[in-house]
Amino acid sequence: YYCASTYGTRVYGSNWHFRTIYDYWGQGTQ
């Protein structure tokens, strides 16, 4: 499981699940 961040105005109900809108990612946790 990974968390990722993106500027708030880039997120909509139809695109939140697209990896490409996120800029930074964590290293993940199993």
PDB file of all heavy atoms in Angstrom:
ATOM      1  N   TYR A   1       0.840  -1.190   0.000  1.00  0.00           N
ATOM      2  CA  TYR A   1       0.000   0.000   0.000  1.00  0.00           C
ATOM      3  C   TYR A   1       0.878   1.244   0.000  1.00  0.00           C
ATOM      4  O   TYR A   1       1.816   1.349   0.796  1.00  0.00           O
ATOM      5  CB  TYR A   1      -0.920  -0.004   1.223  1.00  0.00           C
ATOM      6  CG  TYR A   1      -2.083  -0.946   1.078  1.00  0.00           C
ATOM      7  CD1 TYR A   1      -1.895  -2.323   1.094  1.00  0.00           C
ATOM      8  CD2 TYR A   1      -3.382  -0.465   0.891  1.00  0.00           C
ATOM      9  CE1 TYR A   1      -2.959  -3.195   0.933  1.00  0.00           C
ATOM     10  CE2 TYR A   1      -4.457  -1.325   0.736  1.00  0.00           C
ATOM     11  CZ  TYR A   1      -4.236  -2.690   0.760  1.00  0.00           C
ATOM     12  OH  TYR A   1      -5.286  -3.556   0.593  1.00  0.00           O
ATOM     13  N   TYR A   2       0.534   2.164  -0.891  1.00  0.00           N
ATOM     14  CA  TYR A   2       1.280   3.408  -1.043  1.00  0.00           C
ATOM     15  C   TYR A   2       0.358   4.596  -0.820  1.00  0.00           C
ATOM     16  O   TYR A   2      -0.810   4.562  -1.208  1.00  0.00           O
ATOM     17  CB  TYR A   2       1.842   3.528  -2.460  1.00  0.00           C
ATOM     18  CG  TYR A   2       2.765   2.425  -2.887  1.00  0.00           C
ATOM     19  CD1 TYR A   2       2.269   1.267  -3.469  1.00  0.00           C
ATOM     20  CD2 TYR A   2       4.143   2.547  -2.733  1.00  0.00           C
ATOM     21  CE1 TYR A   2       3.118   0.247  -3.876  1.00  0.00           C
ATOM     22  CE2 TYR A   2       5.007   1.545  -3.140  1.00  0.00           C
ATOM     23  CZ  TYR A   2       4.477   0.396  -3.714  1.00  0.00           C
ATOM     24  OH  TYR A   2       5.338  -0.605  -4.119  1.00  0.00           O
ATOM     25  N   CYS A   3       0.903   5.665  -0.256  1.00  0.00           N
ATOM     26  CA  CYS A   3       0.175   6.927  -0.256  1.00  0.00           C
ATOM     27  C   CYS A   3       0.891   7.887  -1.210  1.00  0.00           C
ATOM     28  O   CYS A   3       2.102   7.753  -1.464  1.00  0.00           O
ATOM     29  CB  CYS A   3       0.040   7.527   1.137  1.00  0.00           C
ATOM     30  SG  CYS A   3       1.564   8.001   1.964  1.00  0.00           S
ATOM     31  N   ALA A   4       0.127   8.812  -1.741  1.00  0.00           N
ATOM     32  CA  ALA A   4       0.643   9.747  -2.726  1.00  0.00           C
ATOM     33  C   ALA A   4      -0.050  11.089  -2.558  1.00  0.00           C
ATOM     34  O   ALA A   4      -1.190  11.149  -2.077  1.00  0.00           O
ATOM     35  CB  ALA A   4       0.436   9.204  -4.137  1.00  0.00           C
ATOM     36  N   SER A   5       0.624  12.155  -2.975  1.00  0.00           N
ATOM     37  CA  SER A   5       0.063  13.496  -2.807  1.00  0.00           C
ATOM     38  C   SER A   5      -0.060  14.213  -4.138  1.00  0.00           C
ATOM     39  O   SER A   5       0.715  13.980  -5.074  1.00  0.00           O
ATOM     40  CB  SER A   5       0.935  14.317  -1.859  1.00  0.00           C
ATOM     41  OG  SER A   5       2.204  14.571  -2.441  1.00  0.00           O
ATOM     42  N   THR A   6      -1.055  15.091  -4.196  1.00  0.00           N
ATOM     43  CA  THR A   6      -1.225  15.960  -5.344  1.00  0.00           C
ATOM     44  C   THR A   6      -1.904  17.237  -4.882  1.00  0.00           C
ATOM     45  O   THR A   6      -2.619  17.225  -3.870  1.00  0.00           O
ATOM     46  CB  THR A   6      -2.046  15.280  -6.453  1.00  0.00           C
ATOM     47  OG1 THR A   6      -2.074  16.127  -7.609  1.00  0.00           O
ATOM     48  CG2 THR A   6      -3.475  15.024  -6.000  1.00  0.00           C
ATOM     49  N   TYR A   7      -1.721  18.318  -5.628  1.00  0.00           N
ATOM     50  CA  TYR A   7      -2.354  19.574  -5.245  1.00  0.00           C
ATOM     51  C   TYR A   7      -3.871  19.381  -5.249  1.00  0.00           C
ATOM     52  O   TYR A   7      -4.422  18.765  -6.162  1.00  0.00           O
ATOM     53  CB  TYR A   7      -1.935  20.689  -6.195  1.00  0.00           C
ATOM     54  CG  TYR A   7      -2.178  22.063  -5.623  1.00  0.00           C
ATOM     55  CD1 TYR A   7      -1.482  22.504  -4.503  1.00  0.00           C
ATOM     56  CD2 TYR A   7      -3.118  22.910  -6.187  1.00  0.00           C
ATOM     57  CE1 TYR A   7      -1.705  23.756  -3.963  1.00  0.00           C
ATOM     58  CE2 TYR A   7      -3.352  24.162  -5.659  1.00  0.00           C
ATOM     59  CZ  TYR A   7      -2.640  24.589  -4.553  1.00  0.00           C
ATOM     60  OH  TYR A   7      -2.870  25.826  -4.013  1.00  0.00           O
ATOM     61  N   GLY A   8      -4.514  19.937  -4.256  1.00  0.00           N
ATOM     62  CA  GLY A   8      -5.923  19.652  -4.032  1.00  0.00           C
ATOM     63  C   GLY A   8      -6.846  19.929  -5.196  1.00  0.00           C
ATOM     64  O   GLY A   8      -7.797  19.179  -5.450  1.00  0.00           O
ATOM     65  N   THR A   9      -6.580  20.985  -5.962  1.00  0.00           N
ATOM     66  CA  THR A   9      -7.483  21.351  -7.058  1.00  0.00           C
ATOM     67  C   THR A   9      -7.397  20.400  -8.245  1.00  0.00           C
ATOM     68  O   THR A   9      -8.209  20.493  -9.166  1.00  0.00           O
ATOM     69  CB  THR A   9      -7.201  22.773  -7.543  1.00  0.00           C
ATOM     70  OG1 THR A   9      -5.822  22.868  -7.921  1.00  0.00           O
ATOM     71  CG2 THR A   9      -7.495  23.797  -6.462  1.00  0.00           C
ATOM     72  N   ARG A  10      -6.440  19.496  -8.217  1.00  0.00           N
ATOM     73  CA  ARG A  10      -6.297  18.548  -9.331  1.00  0.00           C
ATOM     74  C   ARG A  10      -7.188  17.327  -9.182  1.00  0.00           C
ATOM     75  O   ARG A  10      -7.320  16.533 -10.100  1.00  0.00           O
ATOM     76  CB  ARG A  10      -4.837  18.104  -9.442  1.00  0.00           C
ATOM     77  CG  ARG A  10      -3.873  19.232  -9.738  1.00  0.00           C
ATOM     78  CD  ARG A  10      -2.454  18.733  -9.771  1.00  0.00           C
ATOM     79  NE  ARG A  10      -2.192  17.889 -10.918  1.00  0.00           N
ATOM     80  CZ  ARG A  10      -1.061  17.222 -11.111  1.00  0.00           C
ATOM     81  NH1 ARG A  10      -0.096  17.304 -10.222  1.00  0.00           N
ATOM     82  NH2 ARG A  10      -0.894  16.484 -12.187  1.00  0.00           N
ATOM     83  N   VAL A  11      -7.790  17.167  -8.014  1.00  0.00           N
ATOM     84  CA  VAL A  11      -8.552  15.957  -7.739  1.00  0.00           C
ATOM     85  C   VAL A  11     -10.041  16.185  -7.930  1.00  0.00           C
ATOM     86  O   VAL A  11     -10.612  17.146  -7.414  1.00  0.00           O
ATOM     87  CB  VAL A  11      -8.292  15.474  -6.295  1.00  0.00           C
ATOM     88  CG1 VAL A  11      -9.215  14.295  -5.954  1.00  0.00           C
ATOM     89  CG2 VAL A  11      -6.845  15.049  -6.134  1.00  0.00           C
ATOM     90  N   TYR A  12     -10.666  15.271  -8.660  1.00  0.00           N
ATOM     91  CA  TYR A  12     -12.100  15.282  -8.847  1.00  0.00           C
ATOM     92  C   TYR A  12     -12.625  13.869  -8.585  1.00  0.00           C
ATOM     93  O   TYR A  12     -11.857  12.919  -8.490  1.00  0.00           O
ATOM     94  CB  TYR A  12     -12.463  15.681 -10.285  1.00  0.00           C
ATOM     95  CG  TYR A  12     -12.016  17.062 -10.651  1.00  0.00           C
ATOM     96  CD1 TYR A  12     -10.776  17.260 -11.262  1.00  0.00           C
ATOM     97  CD2 TYR A  12     -12.810  18.175 -10.384  1.00  0.00           C
ATOM     98  CE1 TYR A  12     -10.340  18.534 -11.594  1.00  0.00           C
ATOM     99  CE2 TYR A  12     -12.380  19.442 -10.718  1.00  0.00           C
ATOM    100  CZ  TYR A  12     -11.150  19.618 -11.316  1.00  0.00           C
ATOM    101  OH  TYR A  12     -10.726  20.871 -11.632  1.00  0.00           O
ATOM    102  N   GLY A  13     -13.919  13.750  -8.515  1.00  0.00           N
ATOM    103  CA  GLY A  13     -14.513  12.439  -8.283  1.00  0.00           C
ATOM    104  C   GLY A  13     -14.217  11.454  -9.389  1.00  0.00           C
ATOM    105  O   GLY A  13     -14.220  10.244  -9.165  1.00  0.00           O
ATOM    106  N   SER A  14     -13.930  11.964 -10.593  1.00  0.00           N
ATOM    107  CA  SER A  14     -13.725  11.076 -11.731  1.00  0.00           C
ATOM    108  C   SER A  14     -12.260  10.743 -11.978  1.00  0.00           C
ATOM    109  O   SER A  14     -11.962   9.893 -12.819  1.00  0.00           O
ATOM    110  CB  SER A  14     -14.303  11.717 -12.988  1.00  0.00           C
ATOM    111  OG  SER A  14     -13.678  12.963 -13.239  1.00  0.00           O
ATOM    112  N   ASN A  15     -11.333  11.389 -11.276  1.00  0.00           N
ATOM    113  CA  ASN A  15      -9.924  11.163 -11.614  1.00  0.00           C
ATOM    114  C   ASN A  15      -9.034  10.809 -10.425  1.00  0.00           C
ATOM    115  O   ASN A  15      -7.850  10.598 -10.598  1.00  0.00           O
ATOM    116  CB  ASN A  15      -9.344  12.403 -12.314  1.00  0.00           C
ATOM    117  CG  ASN A  15      -9.068  13.542 -11.351  1.00  0.00           C
ATOM    118  OD1 ASN A  15      -9.502  13.543 -10.198  1.00  0.00           O
ATOM    119  ND2 ASN A  15      -8.333  14.537 -11.818  1.00  0.00           N
ATOM    120  N   TRP A  16      -9.610  10.707  -9.238  1.00  0.00           N
ATOM    121  CA  TRP A  16      -8.779  10.527  -8.044  1.00  0.00           C
ATOM    122  C   TRP A  16      -7.934   9.262  -8.107  1.00  0.00           C
ATOM    123  O   TRP A  16      -6.898   9.161  -7.454  1.00  0.00           O
ATOM    124  CB  TRP A  16      -9.640  10.495  -6.779  1.00  0.00           C
ATOM    125  CG  TRP A  16     -10.521   9.270  -6.696  1.00  0.00           C
ATOM    126  CD1 TRP A  16     -11.803   9.142  -7.151  1.00  0.00           C
ATOM    127  CD2 TRP A  16     -10.172   7.998  -6.147  1.00  0.00           C
ATOM    128  NE1 TRP A  16     -12.262   7.876  -6.920  1.00  0.00           N
ATOM    129  CE2 TRP A  16     -11.293   7.154  -6.299  1.00  0.00           C
ATOM    130  CE3 TRP A  16      -9.026   7.496  -5.529  1.00  0.00           C
ATOM    131  CZ2 TRP A  16     -11.290   5.827  -5.850  1.00  0.00           C
ATOM    132  CZ3 TRP A  16      -9.027   6.180  -5.086  1.00  0.00           C
ATOM    133  CH2 TRP A  16     -10.153   5.357  -5.248  1.00  0.00           C
ATOM    134  N   HIS A  17      -8.380   8.277  -8.871  1.00  0.00           N
ATOM    135  CA  HIS A  17      -7.700   6.983  -8.909  1.00  0.00           C
ATOM    136  C   HIS A  17      -6.635   6.881 -10.006  1.00  0.00           C
ATOM    137  O   HIS A  17      -6.012   5.822 -10.164  1.00  0.00           O
ATOM    138  CB  HIS A  17      -8.728   5.873  -9.105  1.00  0.00           C
ATOM    139  CG  HIS A  17      -9.538   6.023 -10.347  1.00  0.00           C
ATOM    140  ND1 HIS A  17     -10.503   6.993 -10.492  1.00  0.00           N
ATOM    141  CD2 HIS A  17      -9.514   5.338 -11.508  1.00  0.00           C
ATOM    142  CE1 HIS A  17     -11.056   6.880 -11.671  1.00  0.00           C
ATOM    143  NE2 HIS A  17     -10.477   5.897 -12.318  1.00  0.00           N
ATOM    144  N   PHE A  18      -6.411   7.978 -10.725  1.00  0.00           N
ATOM    145  CA  PHE A  18      -5.381   7.964 -11.765  1.00  0.00           C
ATOM    146  C   PHE A  18      -4.019   8.252 -11.141  1.00  0.00           C
ATOM    147  O   PHE A  18      -3.793   9.322 -10.577  1.00  0.00           O
ATOM    148  CB  PHE A  18      -5.698   9.005 -12.836  1.00  0.00           C
ATOM    149  CG  PHE A  18      -6.908   8.700 -13.659  1.00  0.00           C
ATOM    150  CD1 PHE A  18      -7.611   9.714 -14.288  1.00  0.00           C
ATOM    151  CD2 PHE A  18      -7.353   7.398 -13.833  1.00  0.00           C
ATOM    152  CE1 PHE A  18      -8.731   9.443 -15.049  1.00  0.00           C
ATOM    153  CE2 PHE A  18      -8.480   7.110 -14.587  1.00  0.00           C
ATOM    154  CZ  PHE A  18      -9.171   8.140 -15.200  1.00  0.00           C
ATOM    155  N   ARG A  19      -3.085   7.335 -11.301  1.00  0.00           N
ATOM    156  CA  ARG A  19      -1.762   7.514 -10.716  1.00  0.00           C
ATOM    157  C   ARG A  19      -1.078   8.768 -11.238  1.00  0.00           C
ATOM    158  O   ARG A  19      -0.287   9.392 -10.532  1.00  0.00           O
ATOM    159  CB  ARG A  19      -0.894   6.297 -11.024  1.00  0.00           C
ATOM    160  CG  ARG A  19      -1.308   5.027 -10.317  1.00  0.00           C
ATOM    161  CD  ARG A  19      -0.505   3.866 -10.835  1.00  0.00           C
ATOM    162  NE  ARG A  19      -0.849   3.536 -12.201  1.00  0.00           N
ATOM    163  CZ  ARG A  19      -0.148   2.715 -12.962  1.00  0.00           C
ATOM    164  NH1 ARG A  19       0.950   2.150 -12.498  1.00  0.00           N
ATOM    165  NH2 ARG A  19      -0.528   2.451 -14.187  1.00  0.00           N
ATOM    166  N   THR A  20      -1.356   9.142 -12.480  1.00  0.00           N
ATOM    167  CA  THR A  20      -0.616  10.215 -13.138  1.00  0.00           C
ATOM    168  C   THR A  20      -0.871  11.588 -12.539  1.00  0.00           C
ATOM    169  O   THR A  20      -0.088  12.513 -12.784  1.00  0.00           O
ATOM    170  CB  THR A  20      -0.954  10.245 -14.637  1.00  0.00           C
ATOM    171  OG1 THR A  20      -2.378  10.299 -14.792  1.00  0.00           O
ATOM    172  CG2 THR A  20      -0.412   9.011 -15.334  1.00  0.00           C
ATOM    173  N   ILE A  21      -1.923  11.755 -11.748  1.00  0.00           N
ATOM    174  CA  ILE A  21      -2.173  13.090 -11.199  1.00  0.00           C
ATOM    175  C   ILE A  21      -1.410  13.314  -9.896  1.00  0.00           C
ATOM    176  O   ILE A  21      -1.395  14.421  -9.375  1.00  0.00           O
ATOM    177  CB  ILE A  21      -3.673  13.354 -10.963  1.00  0.00           C
ATOM    178  CG1 ILE A  21      -4.225  12.504  -9.808  1.00  0.00           C
ATOM    179  CG2 ILE A  21      -4.460  13.123 -12.237  1.00  0.00           C
ATOM    180  CD1 ILE A  21      -5.603  12.953  -9.356  1.00  0.00           C
ATOM    181  N   TYR A  22      -0.767  12.287  -9.380  1.00  0.00           N
ATOM    182  CA  TYR A  22      -0.038  12.393  -8.113  1.00  0.00           C
ATOM    183  C   TYR A  22       1.444  12.646  -8.364  1.00  0.00           C
ATOM    184  O   TYR A  22       2.046  12.040  -9.256  1.00  0.00           O
ATOM    185  CB  TYR A  22      -0.227  11.120  -7.281  1.00  0.00           C
ATOM    186  CG  TYR A  22      -1.664  10.945  -6.843  1.00  0.00           C
ATOM    187  CD1 TYR A  22      -2.590  10.311  -7.664  1.00  0.00           C
ATOM    188  CD2 TYR A  22      -2.107  11.451  -5.622  1.00  0.00           C
ATOM    189  CE1 TYR A  22      -3.916  10.166  -7.276  1.00  0.00           C
ATOM    190  CE2 TYR A  22      -3.424  11.314  -5.222  1.00  0.00           C
ATOM    191  CZ  TYR A  22      -4.322  10.676  -6.057  1.00  0.00           C
ATOM    192  OH  TYR A  22      -5.633  10.548  -5.667  1.00  0.00           O
ATOM    193  N   ASP A  23       2.007  13.540  -7.558  1.00  0.00           N
ATOM    194  CA  ASP A  23       3.378  13.965  -7.783  1.00  0.00           C
ATOM    195  C   ASP A  23       4.401  13.252  -6.904  1.00  0.00           C
ATOM    196  O   ASP A  23       5.528  13.001  -7.335  1.00  0.00           O
ATOM    197  CB  ASP A  23       3.493  15.470  -7.517  1.00  0.00           C
ATOM    198  CG  ASP A  23       2.558  16.274  -8.397  1.00  0.00           C
ATOM    199  OD1 ASP A  23       2.601  16.083  -9.626  1.00  0.00           O
ATOM    200  OD2 ASP A  23       1.770  17.075  -7.852  1.00  0.00           O
ATOM    201  N   TYR A  24       4.014  12.979  -5.680  1.00  0.00           N
ATOM    202  CA  TYR A  24       4.953  12.373  -4.734  1.00  0.00           C
ATOM    203  C   TYR A  24       4.364  11.098  -4.159  1.00  0.00           C
ATOM    204  O   TYR A  24       3.151  11.028  -3.908  1.00  0.00           O
ATOM    205  CB  TYR A  24       5.290  13.355  -3.601  1.00  0.00           C
ATOM    206  CG  TYR A  24       6.025  14.579  -4.082  1.00  0.00           C
ATOM    207  CD1 TYR A  24       5.336  15.747  -4.382  1.00  0.00           C
ATOM    208  CD2 TYR A  24       7.403  14.557  -4.264  1.00  0.00           C
ATOM    209  CE1 TYR A  24       5.999  16.867  -4.847  1.00  0.00           C
ATOM    210  CE2 TYR A  24       8.072  15.678  -4.723  1.00  0.00           C
ATOM    211  CZ  TYR A  24       7.364  16.820  -5.014  1.00  0.00           C
ATOM    212  OH  TYR A  24       8.035  17.920  -5.470  1.00  0.00           O
ATOM    213  N   TRP A  25       5.239  10.136  -3.924  1.00  0.00           N
ATOM    214  CA  TRP A  25       4.820   8.824  -3.440  1.00  0.00           C
ATOM    215  C   TRP A  25       5.666   8.407  -2.251  1.00  0.00           C
ATOM    216  O   TRP A  25       6.858   8.739  -2.165  1.00  0.00           O
ATOM    217  CB  TRP A  25       4.980   7.779  -4.545  1.00  0.00           C
ATOM    218  CG  TRP A  25       4.040   7.993  -5.688  1.00  0.00           C
ATOM    219  CD1 TRP A  25       4.168   8.892  -6.707  1.00  0.00           C
ATOM    220  CD2 TRP A  25       2.819   7.293  -5.921  1.00  0.00           C
ATOM    221  NE1 TRP A  25       3.090   8.798  -7.557  1.00  0.00           N
ATOM    222  CE2 TRP A  25       2.246   7.817  -7.100  1.00  0.00           C
ATOM    223  CE3 TRP A  25       2.144   6.269  -5.261  1.00  0.00           C
ATOM    224  CZ2 TRP A  25       1.045   7.359  -7.630  1.00  0.00           C
ATOM    225  CZ3 TRP A  25       0.951   5.805  -5.785  1.00  0.00           C
ATOM    226  CH2 TRP A  25       0.411   6.346  -6.952  1.00  0.00           C
ATOM    227  N   GLY A  26       5.050   7.642  -1.368  1.00  0.00           N
ATOM    228  CA  GLY A  26       5.796   7.028  -0.284  1.00  0.00           C
ATOM    229  C   GLY A  26       6.457   5.741  -0.740  1.00  0.00           C
ATOM    230  O   GLY A  26       6.313   5.334  -1.896  1.00  0.00           O
ATOM    231  N   GLN A  27       7.137   5.077   0.191  1.00  0.00           N
ATOM    232  CA  GLN A  27       7.890   3.871  -0.156  1.00  0.00           C
ATOM    233  C   GLN A  27       7.036   2.612  -0.073  1.00  0.00           C
ATOM    234  O   GLN A  27       7.446   1.546  -0.551  1.00  0.00           O
ATOM    235  CB  GLN A  27       9.100   3.730   0.776  1.00  0.00           C
ATOM    236  CG  GLN A  27       8.817   3.097   2.143  1.00  0.00           C
ATOM    237  CD  GLN A  27       8.006   3.993   3.067  1.00  0.00           C
ATOM    238  OE1 GLN A  27       7.827   5.190   2.815  1.00  0.00           O
ATOM    239  NE2 GLN A  27       7.514   3.418   4.158  1.00  0.00           N
ATOM    240  N   GLY A  28       5.869   2.716   0.530  1.00  0.00           N
ATOM    241  CA  GLY A  28       4.953   1.586   0.599  1.00  0.00           C
ATOM    242  C   GLY A  28       5.068   0.808   1.893  1.00  0.00           C
ATOM    243  O   GLY A  28       6.102   0.796   2.555  1.00  0.00           O
ATOM    244  N   THR A  29       3.971   0.137   2.251  1.00  0.00           N
ATOM    245  CA  THR A  29       3.941  -0.740   3.411  1.00  0.00           C
ATOM    246  C   THR A  29       3.174  -2.007   3.029  1.00  0.00           C
ATOM    247  O   THR A  29       2.135  -1.936   2.385  1.00  0.00           O
ATOM    248  CB  THR A  29       3.315  -0.034   4.634  1.00  0.00           C
ATOM    249  OG1 THR A  29       3.420  -0.875   5.782  1.00  0.00           O
ATOM    250  CG2 THR A  29       1.858   0.331   4.412  1.00  0.00           C
ATOM    251  N   GLN A  30       3.702  -3.145   3.421  1.00  0.00           N
ATOM    252  CA  GLN A  30       3.115  -4.430   3.018  1.00  0.00           C
ATOM    253  C   GLN A  30       1.945  -4.794   3.928  1.00  0.00           C
ATOM    254  O   GLN A  30       2.057  -4.758   5.157  1.00  0.00           O
ATOM    255  CB  GLN A  30       4.170  -5.532   3.094  1.00  0.00           C
ATOM    256  CG  GLN A  30       3.646  -6.928   2.790  1.00  0.00           C
ATOM    257  CD  GLN A  30       3.294  -7.116   1.324  1.00  0.00           C
ATOM    258  OE1 GLN A  30       4.061  -6.738   0.440  1.00  0.00           O
ATOM    259  NE2 GLN A  30       2.126  -7.701   1.059  1.00  0.00           N
TER     260      GLN A  30
END
